[in-house]
PDB file of all heavy atoms in Angstrom:
ATOM      1  N   MET A   1     -26.937 -30.310  15.142  1.00  0.00           N
ATOM      2  CA  MET A   1     -25.928 -30.721  14.185  1.00  0.00           C
ATOM      3  C   MET A   1     -26.032 -29.842  12.930  1.00  0.00           C
ATOM      4  O   MET A   1     -27.118 -29.613  12.419  1.00  0.00           O
ATOM      5  CB  MET A   1     -26.130 -32.185  13.813  1.00  0.00           C
ATOM      6  CG  MET A   1     -25.193 -32.621  12.713  1.00  0.00           C
ATOM      7  SD  MET A   1     -25.081 -34.388  12.393  1.00  0.00           S
ATOM      8  CE  MET A   1     -26.686 -34.806  11.887  1.00  0.00           C
ATOM      9  N   VAL A   2     -24.910 -29.359  12.483  1.00  0.00           N
ATOM     10  CA  VAL A   2     -24.854 -28.527  11.277  1.00  0.00           C
ATOM     11  C   VAL A   2     -24.826 -29.440  10.056  1.00  0.00           C
ATOM     12  O   VAL A   2     -23.989 -30.336   9.959  1.00  0.00           O
ATOM     13  CB  VAL A   2     -23.590 -27.633  11.293  1.00  0.00           C
ATOM     14  CG1 VAL A   2     -23.447 -26.878   9.989  1.00  0.00           C
ATOM     15  CG2 VAL A   2     -23.624 -26.678  12.471  1.00  0.00           C
ATOM     16  N   ILE A   3     -25.769 -29.212   9.133  1.00  0.00           N
ATOM     17  CA  ILE A   3     -25.780 -30.015   7.909  1.00  0.00           C
ATOM     18  C   ILE A   3     -25.383 -29.199   6.684  1.00  0.00           C
ATOM     19  O   ILE A   3     -25.126 -29.742   5.628  1.00  0.00           O
ATOM     20  CB  ILE A   3     -27.148 -30.688   7.676  1.00  0.00           C
ATOM     21  CG1 ILE A   3     -28.246 -29.645   7.542  1.00  0.00           C
ATOM     22  CG2 ILE A   3     -27.454 -31.675   8.792  1.00  0.00           C
ATOM     23  CD1 ILE A   3     -29.581 -30.221   7.103  1.00  0.00           C
ATOM     24  N   GLY A   4     -25.345 -27.878   6.833  1.00  0.00           N
ATOM     25  CA  GLY A   4     -24.972 -27.028   5.714  1.00  0.00           C
ATOM     26  C   GLY A   4     -24.718 -25.605   6.179  1.00  0.00           C
ATOM     27  O   GLY A   4     -24.976 -25.253   7.325  1.00  0.00           O
ATOM     28  N   HIS A   5     -24.201 -24.814   5.271  1.00  0.00           N
ATOM     29  CA  HIS A   5     -23.884 -23.415   5.555  1.00  0.00           C
ATOM     30  C   HIS A   5     -24.515 -22.523   4.494  1.00  0.00           C
ATOM     31  O   HIS A   5     -24.404 -22.799   3.298  1.00  0.00           O
ATOM     32  CB  HIS A   5     -22.367 -23.190   5.548  1.00  0.00           C
ATOM     33  CG  HIS A   5     -21.640 -23.985   6.570  1.00  0.00           C
ATOM     34  ND1 HIS A   5     -21.618 -23.646   7.899  1.00  0.00           N
ATOM     35  CD2 HIS A   5     -20.910 -25.127   6.446  1.00  0.00           C
ATOM     36  CE1 HIS A   5     -20.901 -24.535   8.563  1.00  0.00           C
ATOM     37  NE2 HIS A   5     -20.465 -25.438   7.703  1.00  0.00           N
ATOM     38  N   HIS A   6     -25.151 -21.462   4.946  1.00  0.00           N
ATOM     39  CA  HIS A   6     -25.669 -20.427   4.055  1.00  0.00           C
ATOM     40  C   HIS A   6     -24.593 -19.341   4.017  1.00  0.00           C
ATOM     41  O   HIS A   6     -24.437 -18.582   4.968  1.00  0.00           O
ATOM     42  CB  HIS A   6     -26.990 -19.893   4.592  1.00  0.00           C
ATOM     43  CG  HIS A   6     -27.533 -18.756   3.790  1.00  0.00           C
ATOM     44  ND1 HIS A   6     -28.494 -17.910   4.286  1.00  0.00           N
ATOM     45  CD2 HIS A   6     -27.258 -18.309   2.540  1.00  0.00           C
ATOM     46  CE1 HIS A   6     -28.785 -16.997   3.382  1.00  0.00           C
ATOM     47  NE2 HIS A   6     -28.046 -17.218   2.309  1.00  0.00           N
ATOM     48  N   LEU A   7     -23.845 -19.308   2.935  1.00  0.00           N
ATOM     49  CA  LEU A   7     -22.761 -18.339   2.789  1.00  0.00           C
ATOM     50  C   LEU A   7     -23.280 -17.127   2.026  1.00  0.00           C
ATOM     51  O   LEU A   7     -23.944 -17.271   1.006  1.00  0.00           O
ATOM     52  CB  LEU A   7     -21.593 -18.966   2.023  1.00  0.00           C
ATOM     53  CG  LEU A   7     -21.059 -20.302   2.549  1.00  0.00           C
ATOM     54  CD1 LEU A   7     -19.952 -20.830   1.638  1.00  0.00           C
ATOM     55  CD2 LEU A   7     -20.561 -20.158   3.969  1.00  0.00           C
ATOM     56  N   VAL A   8     -22.971 -15.941   2.538  1.00  0.00           N
ATOM     57  CA  VAL A   8     -23.372 -14.702   1.872  1.00  0.00           C
ATOM     58  C   VAL A   8     -22.124 -13.876   1.643  1.00  0.00           C
ATOM     59  O   VAL A   8     -21.353 -13.616   2.566  1.00  0.00           O
ATOM     60  CB  VAL A   8     -24.381 -13.897   2.728  1.00  0.00           C
ATOM     61  CG1 VAL A   8     -24.788 -12.626   2.001  1.00  0.00           C
ATOM     62  CG2 VAL A   8     -25.595 -14.746   3.069  1.00  0.00           C
ATOM     63  N   ARG A   9     -21.914 -13.473   0.394  1.00  0.00           N
ATOM     64  CA  ARG A   9     -20.791 -12.615   0.041  1.00  0.00           C
ATOM     65  C   ARG A   9     -21.351 -11.337  -0.536  1.00  0.00           C
ATOM     66  O   ARG A   9     -22.185 -11.370  -1.427  1.00  0.00           O
ATOM     67  CB  ARG A   9     -19.916 -13.289  -1.019  1.00  0.00           C
ATOM     68  CG  ARG A   9     -19.289 -14.569  -0.564  1.00  0.00           C
ATOM     69  CD  ARG A   9     -18.583 -15.304  -1.700  1.00  0.00           C
ATOM     70  NE  ARG A   9     -17.785 -14.438  -2.518  1.00  0.00           N
ATOM     71  CZ  ARG A   9     -17.602 -14.626  -3.825  1.00  0.00           C
ATOM     72  NH1 ARG A   9     -18.166 -15.631  -4.441  1.00  0.00           N
ATOM     73  NH2 ARG A   9     -16.843 -13.808  -4.511  1.00  0.00           N
ATOM     74  N   THR A  10     -20.876 -10.210  -0.044  1.00  0.00           N
ATOM     75  CA  THR A  10     -21.333  -8.935  -0.583  1.00  0.00           C
ATOM     76  C   THR A  10     -20.276  -8.373  -1.525  1.00  0.00           C
ATOM     77  O   THR A  10     -19.086  -8.640  -1.385  1.00  0.00           O
ATOM     78  CB  THR A  10     -21.603  -7.918   0.539  1.00  0.00           C
ATOM     79  OG1 THR A  10     -20.401  -7.699   1.271  1.00  0.00           O
ATOM     80  CG2 THR A  10     -22.698  -8.402   1.462  1.00  0.00           C
ATOM     81  N   ALA A  11     -20.739  -7.594  -2.477  1.00  0.00           N
ATOM     82  CA  ALA A  11     -19.816  -6.872  -3.345  1.00  0.00           C
ATOM     83  C   ALA A  11     -19.169  -5.764  -2.505  1.00  0.00           C
ATOM     84  O   ALA A  11     -19.710  -5.327  -1.494  1.00  0.00           O
ATOM     85  CB  ALA A  11     -20.554  -6.291  -4.539  1.00  0.00           C
ATOM     86  N   CYS A  12     -18.029  -5.307  -2.936  1.00  0.00           N
ATOM     87  CA  CYS A  12     -17.243  -4.344  -2.169  1.00  0.00           C
ATOM     88  C   CYS A  12     -18.034  -3.086  -1.840  1.00  0.00           C
ATOM     89  O   CYS A  12     -18.602  -2.447  -2.714  1.00  0.00           O
ATOM     90  CB  CYS A  12     -15.985  -3.988  -2.952  1.00  0.00           C
ATOM     91  SG  CYS A  12     -14.856  -2.966  -1.991  1.00  0.00           S
ATOM     92  N   GLY A  13     -18.058  -2.769  -0.536  1.00  0.00           N
ATOM     93  CA  GLY A  13     -18.675  -1.540  -0.068  1.00  0.00           C
ATOM     94  C   GLY A  13     -20.120  -1.663   0.351  1.00  0.00           C
ATOM     95  O   GLY A  13     -20.700  -0.715   0.865  1.00  0.00           O
ATOM     96  N   TRP A  14     -20.743  -2.837   0.171  1.00  0.00           N
ATOM     97  CA  TRP A  14     -22.175  -2.965   0.408  1.00  0.00           C
ATOM     98  C   TRP A  14     -22.548  -3.437   1.806  1.00  0.00           C
ATOM     99  O   TRP A  14     -23.720  -3.615   2.097  1.00  0.00           O
ATOM    100  CB  TRP A  14     -22.811  -3.881  -0.628  1.00  0.00           C
ATOM    101  CG  TRP A  14     -22.926  -3.215  -1.944  1.00  0.00           C
ATOM    102  CD1 TRP A  14     -22.146  -3.417  -3.047  1.00  0.00           C
ATOM    103  CD2 TRP A  14     -23.859  -2.192  -2.314  1.00  0.00           C
ATOM    104  NE1 TRP A  14     -22.524  -2.599  -4.065  1.00  0.00           N
ATOM    105  CE2 TRP A  14     -23.588  -1.831  -3.645  1.00  0.00           C
ATOM    106  CE3 TRP A  14     -24.887  -1.545  -1.645  1.00  0.00           C
ATOM    107  CZ2 TRP A  14     -24.308  -0.860  -4.316  1.00  0.00           C
ATOM    108  CZ3 TRP A  14     -25.618  -0.581  -2.322  1.00  0.00           C
ATOM    109  CH2 TRP A  14     -25.326  -0.252  -3.645  1.00  0.00           C
ATOM    110  N   TRP A  15     -21.617  -3.690   2.675  1.00  0.00           N
ATOM    111  CA  TRP A  15     -21.969  -4.011   4.054  1.00  0.00           C
ATOM    112  C   TRP A  15     -20.900  -3.413   4.952  1.00  0.00           C
ATOM    113  O   TRP A  15     -19.932  -4.070   5.317  1.00  0.00           O
ATOM    114  CB  TRP A  15     -22.096  -5.512   4.287  1.00  0.00           C
ATOM    115  CG  TRP A  15     -23.037  -5.769   5.424  1.00  0.00           C
ATOM    116  CD1 TRP A  15     -22.831  -5.464   6.739  1.00  0.00           C
ATOM    117  CD2 TRP A  15     -24.338  -6.315   5.359  1.00  0.00           C
ATOM    118  NE1 TRP A  15     -23.920  -5.799   7.492  1.00  0.00           N
ATOM    119  CE2 TRP A  15     -24.874  -6.331   6.656  1.00  0.00           C
ATOM    120  CE3 TRP A  15     -25.122  -6.793   4.314  1.00  0.00           C
ATOM    121  CZ2 TRP A  15     -26.134  -6.819   6.951  1.00  0.00           C
ATOM    122  CZ3 TRP A  15     -26.375  -7.274   4.609  1.00  0.00           C
ATOM    123  CH2 TRP A  15     -26.868  -7.286   5.918  1.00  0.00           C
ATOM    124  N   LEU A  16     -21.093  -2.161   5.301  1.00  0.00           N
ATOM    125  CA  LEU A  16     -20.124  -1.420   6.100  1.00  0.00           C
ATOM    126  C   LEU A  16     -20.303  -1.732   7.586  1.00  0.00           C
ATOM    127  O   LEU A  16     -21.359  -2.208   8.005  1.00  0.00           O
ATOM    128  CB  LEU A  16     -20.292   0.079   5.840  1.00  0.00           C
ATOM    129  CG  LEU A  16     -20.031   0.510   4.390  1.00  0.00           C
ATOM    130  CD1 LEU A  16     -20.358   1.975   4.203  1.00  0.00           C
ATOM    131  CD2 LEU A  16     -18.604   0.214   3.981  1.00  0.00           C
ATOM    132  N   PRO A  17     -19.265  -1.475   8.404  1.00  0.00           N
ATOM    133  CA  PRO A  17     -19.345  -1.801   9.831  1.00  0.00           C
ATOM    134  C   PRO A  17     -20.502  -1.115  10.550  1.00  0.00           C
ATOM    135  O   PRO A  17     -21.050  -1.652  11.500  1.00  0.00           O
ATOM    136  CB  PRO A  17     -18.015  -1.307  10.407  1.00  0.00           C
ATOM    137  CG  PRO A  17     -17.166  -0.934   9.278  1.00  0.00           C
ATOM    138  CD  PRO A  17     -17.991  -0.882   8.037  1.00  0.00           C
ATOM    139  N   ASN A  18     -20.881   0.073  10.081  1.00  0.00           N
ATOM    140  CA  ASN A  18     -21.970   0.793  10.725  1.00  0.00           C
ATOM    141  C   ASN A  18     -23.257   0.736   9.900  1.00  0.00           C
ATOM    142  O   ASN A  18     -24.107   1.611   9.991  1.00  0.00           O
ATOM    143  CB  ASN A  18     -21.565   2.232  11.027  1.00  0.00           C
ATOM    144  CG  ASN A  18     -20.868   2.911   9.873  1.00  0.00           C
ATOM    145  OD1 ASN A  18     -20.642   2.319   8.835  1.00  0.00           O
ATOM    146  ND2 ASN A  18     -20.513   4.159  10.053  1.00  0.00           N
ATOM    147  N   ASP A  19     -23.403  -0.335   9.129  1.00  0.00           N
ATOM    148  CA  ASP A  19     -24.628  -0.570   8.372  1.00  0.00           C
ATOM    149  C   ASP A  19     -25.821  -0.549   9.331  1.00  0.00           C
ATOM    150  O   ASP A  19     -25.758  -1.153  10.404  1.00  0.00           O
ATOM    151  CB  ASP A  19     -24.528  -1.930   7.668  1.00  0.00           C
ATOM    152  CG  ASP A  19     -25.672  -2.189   6.711  1.00  0.00           C
ATOM    153  OD1 ASP A  19     -26.834  -2.242   7.173  1.00  0.00           O
ATOM    154  OD2 ASP A  19     -25.414  -2.358   5.515  1.00  0.00           O
ATOM    155  N   PRO A  20     -26.891   0.130   8.984  1.00  0.00           N
ATOM    156  CA  PRO A  20     -28.043   0.216   9.893  1.00  0.00           C
ATOM    157  C   PRO A  20     -28.679  -1.144  10.219  1.00  0.00           C
ATOM    158  O   PRO A  20     -29.400  -1.267  11.198  1.00  0.00           O
ATOM    159  CB  PRO A  20     -29.041   1.098   9.142  1.00  0.00           C
ATOM    160  CG  PRO A  20     -28.328   1.688   8.008  1.00  0.00           C
ATOM    161  CD  PRO A  20     -27.063   0.927   7.789  1.00  0.00           C
ATOM    162  N   ARG A  21     -28.410  -2.173   9.418  1.00  0.00           N
ATOM    163  CA  ARG A  21     -28.952  -3.507   9.690  1.00  0.00           C
ATOM    164  C   ARG A  21     -28.121  -4.253  10.725  1.00  0.00           C
ATOM    165  O   ARG A  21     -28.544  -5.266  11.242  1.00  0.00           O
ATOM    166  CB  ARG A  21     -28.990  -4.336   8.397  1.00  0.00           C
ATOM    167  CG  ARG A  21     -29.897  -3.755   7.342  1.00  0.00           C
ATOM    168  CD  ARG A  21     -29.684  -4.398   6.010  1.00  0.00           C
ATOM    169  NE  ARG A  21     -28.396  -3.959   5.458  1.00  0.00           N
ATOM    170  CZ  ARG A  21     -27.958  -4.283   4.250  1.00  0.00           C
ATOM    171  NH1 ARG A  21     -28.675  -5.047   3.463  1.00  0.00           N
ATOM    172  NH2 ARG A  21     -26.791  -3.840   3.823  1.00  0.00           N
ATOM    173  N   GLY A  22     -26.900  -3.748  10.986  1.00  0.00           N
ATOM    174  CA  GLY A  22     -25.950  -4.425  11.865  1.00  0.00           C
ATOM    175  C   GLY A  22     -24.860  -5.074  11.031  1.00  0.00           C
ATOM    176  O   GLY A  22     -24.960  -5.173   9.810  1.00  0.00           O
ATOM    177  N   SER A  23     -23.767  -5.487  11.675  1.00  0.00           N
ATOM    178  CA  SER A  23     -22.674  -6.160  10.974  1.00  0.00           C
ATOM    179  C   SER A  23     -21.883  -6.990  11.976  1.00  0.00           C
ATOM    180  O   SER A  23     -22.132  -6.927  13.178  1.00  0.00           O
ATOM    181  CB  SER A  23     -21.745  -5.146  10.290  1.00  0.00           C
ATOM    182  OG  SER A  23     -20.856  -4.565  11.218  1.00  0.00           O
ATOM    183  N   THR A  24     -20.914  -7.726  11.484  1.00  0.00           N
ATOM    184  CA  THR A  24     -20.055  -8.515  12.376  1.00  0.00           C
ATOM    185  C   THR A  24     -18.752  -7.790  12.682  1.00  0.00           C
ATOM    186  O   THR A  24     -17.856  -8.358  13.291  1.00  0.00           O
ATOM    187  CB  THR A  24     -19.740  -9.893  11.767  1.00  0.00           C
ATOM    188  OG1 THR A  24     -19.133  -9.704  10.486  1.00  0.00           O
ATOM    189  CG2 THR A  24     -21.002 -10.729  11.619  1.00  0.00           C
ATOM    190  N   SER A  25     -18.655  -6.541  12.261  1.00  0.00           N
ATOM    191  CA  SER A  25     -17.450  -5.754  12.544  1.00  0.00           C
ATOM    192  C   SER A  25     -17.468  -5.274  13.995  1.00  0.00           C
ATOM    193  O   SER A  25     -18.509  -4.915  14.531  1.00  0.00           O
ATOM    194  CB  SER A  25     -17.375  -4.539  11.623  1.00  0.00           C
ATOM    195  OG  SER A  25     -17.254  -4.944  10.290  1.00  0.00           O
ATOM    196  N   ARG A  26     -16.290  -5.262  14.590  1.00  0.00           N
ATOM    197  CA  ARG A  26     -16.171  -4.780  15.965  1.00  0.00           C
ATOM    198  C   ARG A  26     -15.514  -3.394  16.028  1.00  0.00           C
ATOM    199  O   ARG A  26     -15.477  -2.775  17.070  1.00  0.00           O
ATOM    200  CB  ARG A  26     -15.381  -5.773  16.803  1.00  0.00           C
ATOM    201  CG  ARG A  26     -16.115  -7.095  16.946  1.00  0.00           C
ATOM    202  CD  ARG A  26     -15.511  -7.935  18.051  1.00  0.00           C
ATOM    203  NE  ARG A  26     -16.152  -9.206  18.148  1.00  0.00           N
ATOM    204  CZ  ARG A  26     -17.186  -9.477  18.934  1.00  0.00           C
ATOM    205  NH1 ARG A  26     -17.704  -8.531  19.674  1.00  0.00           N
ATOM    206  NH2 ARG A  26     -17.711 -10.677  18.987  1.00  0.00           N
ATOM    207  N   THR A  27     -14.988  -2.935  14.888  1.00  0.00           N
ATOM    208  CA  THR A  27     -14.372  -1.609  14.836  1.00  0.00           C
ATOM    209  C   THR A  27     -14.696  -0.951  13.498  1.00  0.00           C
ATOM    210  O   THR A  27     -14.992  -1.622  12.517  1.00  0.00           O
ATOM    211  CB  THR A  27     -12.834  -1.681  14.976  1.00  0.00           C
ATOM    212  OG1 THR A  27     -12.319  -2.470  13.902  1.00  0.00           O
ATOM    213  CG2 THR A  27     -12.403  -2.269  16.297  1.00  0.00           C
ATOM    214  N   ILE A  28     -14.612   0.369  13.505  1.00  0.00           N
ATOM    215  CA  ILE A  28     -14.692   1.158  12.276  1.00  0.00           C
ATOM    216  C   ILE A  28     -13.303   1.733  12.076  1.00  0.00           C
ATOM    217  O   ILE A  28     -12.813   2.490  12.904  1.00  0.00           O
ATOM    218  CB  ILE A  28     -15.745   2.278  12.385  1.00  0.00           C
ATOM    219  CG1 ILE A  28     -17.125   1.690  12.646  1.00  0.00           C
ATOM    220  CG2 ILE A  28     -15.745   3.131  11.113  1.00  0.00           C
ATOM    221  CD1 ILE A  28     -18.197   2.730  12.896  1.00  0.00           C
ATOM    222  N   ARG A  29     -12.631   1.349  11.010  1.00  0.00           N
ATOM    223  CA  ARG A  29     -11.224   1.715  10.818  1.00  0.00           C
ATOM    224  C   ARG A  29     -11.015   2.990  10.027  1.00  0.00           C
ATOM    225  O   ARG A  29      -9.909   3.443   9.867  1.00  0.00           O
ATOM    226  CB  ARG A  29     -10.498   0.571  10.123  1.00  0.00           C
ATOM    227  CG  ARG A  29     -10.461  -0.676  10.955  1.00  0.00           C
ATOM    228  CD  ARG A  29      -9.592  -1.740  10.302  1.00  0.00           C
ATOM    229  NE  ARG A  29      -9.795  -2.988  10.987  1.00  0.00           N
ATOM    230  CZ  ARG A  29     -10.145  -4.110  10.405  1.00  0.00           C
ATOM    231  NH1 ARG A  29     -10.319  -4.149   9.106  1.00  0.00           N
ATOM    232  NH2 ARG A  29     -10.318  -5.205  11.103  1.00  0.00           N
ATOM    233  N   SER A  30     -12.082   3.558   9.509  1.00  0.00           N
ATOM    234  CA  SER A  30     -11.947   4.740   8.661  1.00  0.00           C
ATOM    235  C   SER A  30     -12.767   5.892   9.244  1.00  0.00           C
ATOM    236  O   SER A  30     -13.952   5.736   9.542  1.00  0.00           O
ATOM    237  CB  SER A  30     -12.447   4.415   7.253  1.00  0.00           C
ATOM    238  OG  SER A  30     -12.688   5.588   6.526  1.00  0.00           O
ATOM    239  N   ASP A  31     -12.128   7.055   9.386  1.00  0.00           N
ATOM    240  CA  ASP A  31     -12.844   8.239   9.874  1.00  0.00           C
ATOM    241  C   ASP A  31     -13.984   8.614   8.931  1.00  0.00           C
ATOM    242  O   ASP A  31     -15.053   9.041   9.368  1.00  0.00           O
ATOM    243  CB  ASP A  31     -11.892   9.422  10.024  1.00  0.00           C
ATOM    244  CG  ASP A  31     -10.898   9.233  11.162  1.00  0.00           C
ATOM    245  OD1 ASP A  31     -11.173   8.403  12.055  1.00  0.00           O
ATOM    246  OD2 ASP A  31      -9.853   9.908  11.155  1.00  0.00           O
ATOM    247  N   ILE A  32     -13.751   8.432   7.641  1.00  0.00           N
ATOM    248  CA  ILE A  32     -14.778   8.766   6.651  1.00  0.00           C
ATOM    249  C   ILE A  32     -16.006   7.882   6.850  1.00  0.00           C
ATOM    250  O   ILE A  32     -17.138   8.353   6.833  1.00  0.00           O
ATOM    251  CB  ILE A  32     -14.212   8.623   5.222  1.00  0.00           C
ATOM    252  CG1 ILE A  32     -13.150   9.688   4.983  1.00  0.00           C
ATOM    253  CG2 ILE A  32     -15.313   8.701   4.181  1.00  0.00           C
ATOM    254  CD1 ILE A  32     -12.336   9.503   3.736  1.00  0.00           C
ATOM    255  N   THR A  33     -15.783   6.599   7.072  1.00  0.00           N
ATOM    256  CA  THR A  33     -16.892   5.677   7.316  1.00  0.00           C
ATOM    257  C   THR A  33     -17.535   5.964   8.666  1.00  0.00           C
ATOM    258  O   THR A  33     -18.768   5.912   8.798  1.00  0.00           O
ATOM    259  CB  THR A  33     -16.396   4.216   7.253  1.00  0.00           C
ATOM    260  OG1 THR A  33     -15.731   4.008   6.008  1.00  0.00           O
ATOM    261  CG2 THR A  33     -17.537   3.234   7.373  1.00  0.00           C
ATOM    262  N   ALA A  34     -16.745   6.283   9.675  1.00  0.00           N
ATOM    263  CA  ALA A  34     -17.270   6.555  11.018  1.00  0.00           C
ATOM    264  C   ALA A  34     -18.241   7.727  11.007  1.00  0.00           C
ATOM    265  O   ALA A  34     -19.189   7.765  11.805  1.00  0.00           O
ATOM    266  CB  ALA A  34     -16.126   6.821  11.988  1.00  0.00           C
ATOM    267  N   GLU A  35     -18.041   8.677  10.098  1.00  0.00           N
ATOM    268  CA  GLU A  35     -18.929   9.833  10.015  1.00  0.00           C
ATOM    269  C   GLU A  35     -20.349   9.456   9.597  1.00  0.00           C
ATOM    270  O   GLU A  35     -21.288  10.233   9.796  1.00  0.00           O
ATOM    271  CB  GLU A  35     -18.361  10.857   9.016  1.00  0.00           C
ATOM    272  CG  GLU A  35     -17.071  11.503   9.472  1.00  0.00           C
ATOM    273  CD  GLU A  35     -16.420  12.336   8.380  1.00  0.00           C
ATOM    274  OE1 GLU A  35     -17.012  12.478   7.288  1.00  0.00           O
ATOM    275  OE2 GLU A  35     -15.311  12.838   8.619  1.00  0.00           O
ATOM    276  N   LEU A  36     -20.528   8.259   9.052  1.00  0.00           N
ATOM    277  CA  LEU A  36     -21.851   7.813   8.603  1.00  0.00           C
ATOM    278  C   LEU A  36     -22.745   7.359   9.753  1.00  0.00           C
ATOM    279  O   LEU A  36     -23.952   7.238   9.589  1.00  0.00           O
ATOM    280  CB  LEU A  36     -21.708   6.674   7.590  1.00  0.00           C
ATOM    281  CG  LEU A  36     -21.052   7.038   6.272  1.00  0.00           C
ATOM    282  CD1 LEU A  36     -20.704   5.786   5.489  1.00  0.00           C
ATOM    283  CD2 LEU A  36     -21.973   7.941   5.465  1.00  0.00           C
ATOM    284  N   GLY A  37     -22.143   7.047  10.896  1.00  0.00           N
ATOM    285  CA  GLY A  37     -22.944   6.588  12.031  1.00  0.00           C
ATOM    286  C   GLY A  37     -22.156   5.638  12.906  1.00  0.00           C
ATOM    287  O   GLY A  37     -21.036   5.256  12.590  1.00  0.00           O
ATOM    288  N   GLY A  38     -22.768   5.243  14.020  1.00  0.00           N
ATOM    289  CA  GLY A  38     -22.111   4.378  14.985  1.00  0.00           C
ATOM    290  C   GLY A  38     -22.067   2.922  14.567  1.00  0.00           C
ATOM    291  O   GLY A  38     -22.769   2.492  13.649  1.00  0.00           O
ATOM    292  N   LEU A  39     -21.232   2.192  15.267  1.00  0.00           N
ATOM    293  CA  LEU A  39     -21.063   0.761  15.027  1.00  0.00           C
ATOM    294  C   LEU A  39     -22.306   0.011  15.489  1.00  0.00           C
ATOM    295  O   LEU A  39     -22.863   0.309  16.542  1.00  0.00           O
ATOM    296  CB  LEU A  39     -19.832   0.265  15.796  1.00  0.00           C
ATOM    297  CG  LEU A  39     -19.405  -1.173  15.557  1.00  0.00           C
ATOM    298  CD1 LEU A  39     -18.926  -1.372  14.134  1.00  0.00           C
ATOM    299  CD2 LEU A  39     -18.289  -1.533  16.526  1.00  0.00           C
ATOM    300  N   HIS A  40     -22.739  -0.937  14.697  1.00  0.00           N
ATOM    301  CA  HIS A  40     -23.894  -1.780  15.019  1.00  0.00           C
ATOM    302  C   HIS A  40     -23.437  -3.233  14.956  1.00  0.00           C
ATOM    303  O   HIS A  40     -23.517  -3.861  13.905  1.00  0.00           O
ATOM    304  CB  HIS A  40     -25.027  -1.574  14.026  1.00  0.00           C
ATOM    305  CG  HIS A  40     -25.455  -0.149  13.871  1.00  0.00           C
ATOM    306  ND1 HIS A  40     -26.149   0.526  14.845  1.00  0.00           N
ATOM    307  CD2 HIS A  40     -25.277   0.732  12.862  1.00  0.00           C
ATOM    308  CE1 HIS A  40     -26.402   1.755  14.431  1.00  0.00           C
ATOM    309  NE2 HIS A  40     -25.872   1.910  13.240  1.00  0.00           N
ATOM    310  N   TYR A  41     -22.932  -3.769  16.077  1.00  0.00           N
ATOM    311  CA  TYR A  41     -22.434  -5.151  16.053  1.00  0.00           C
ATOM    312  C   TYR A  41     -23.607  -6.126  16.100  1.00  0.00           C
ATOM    313  O   TYR A  41     -24.503  -6.013  16.921  1.00  0.00           O
ATOM    314  CB  TYR A  41     -21.486  -5.424  17.220  1.00  0.00           C
ATOM    315  CG  TYR A  41     -20.962  -6.843  17.188  1.00  0.00           C
ATOM    316  CD1 TYR A  41     -19.980  -7.207  16.278  1.00  0.00           C
ATOM    317  CD2 TYR A  41     -21.496  -7.820  18.007  1.00  0.00           C
ATOM    318  CE1 TYR A  41     -19.524  -8.503  16.205  1.00  0.00           C
ATOM    319  CE2 TYR A  41     -21.045  -9.122  17.937  1.00  0.00           C
ATOM    320  CZ  TYR A  41     -20.062  -9.459  17.033  1.00  0.00           C
ATOM    321  OH  TYR A  41     -19.623 -10.750  16.951  1.00  0.00           O
TER     322      TYR A  41
END
């Protein structure tokens, strides 16, 4: 049973789709961002 939610909000630009820690993004929409590395879902 869920009793609460831990919500995390990042400031703009601080959690990109190909962040080395992983992300919840399923696509990289920018060629510039894609050049930084592969998607880590």
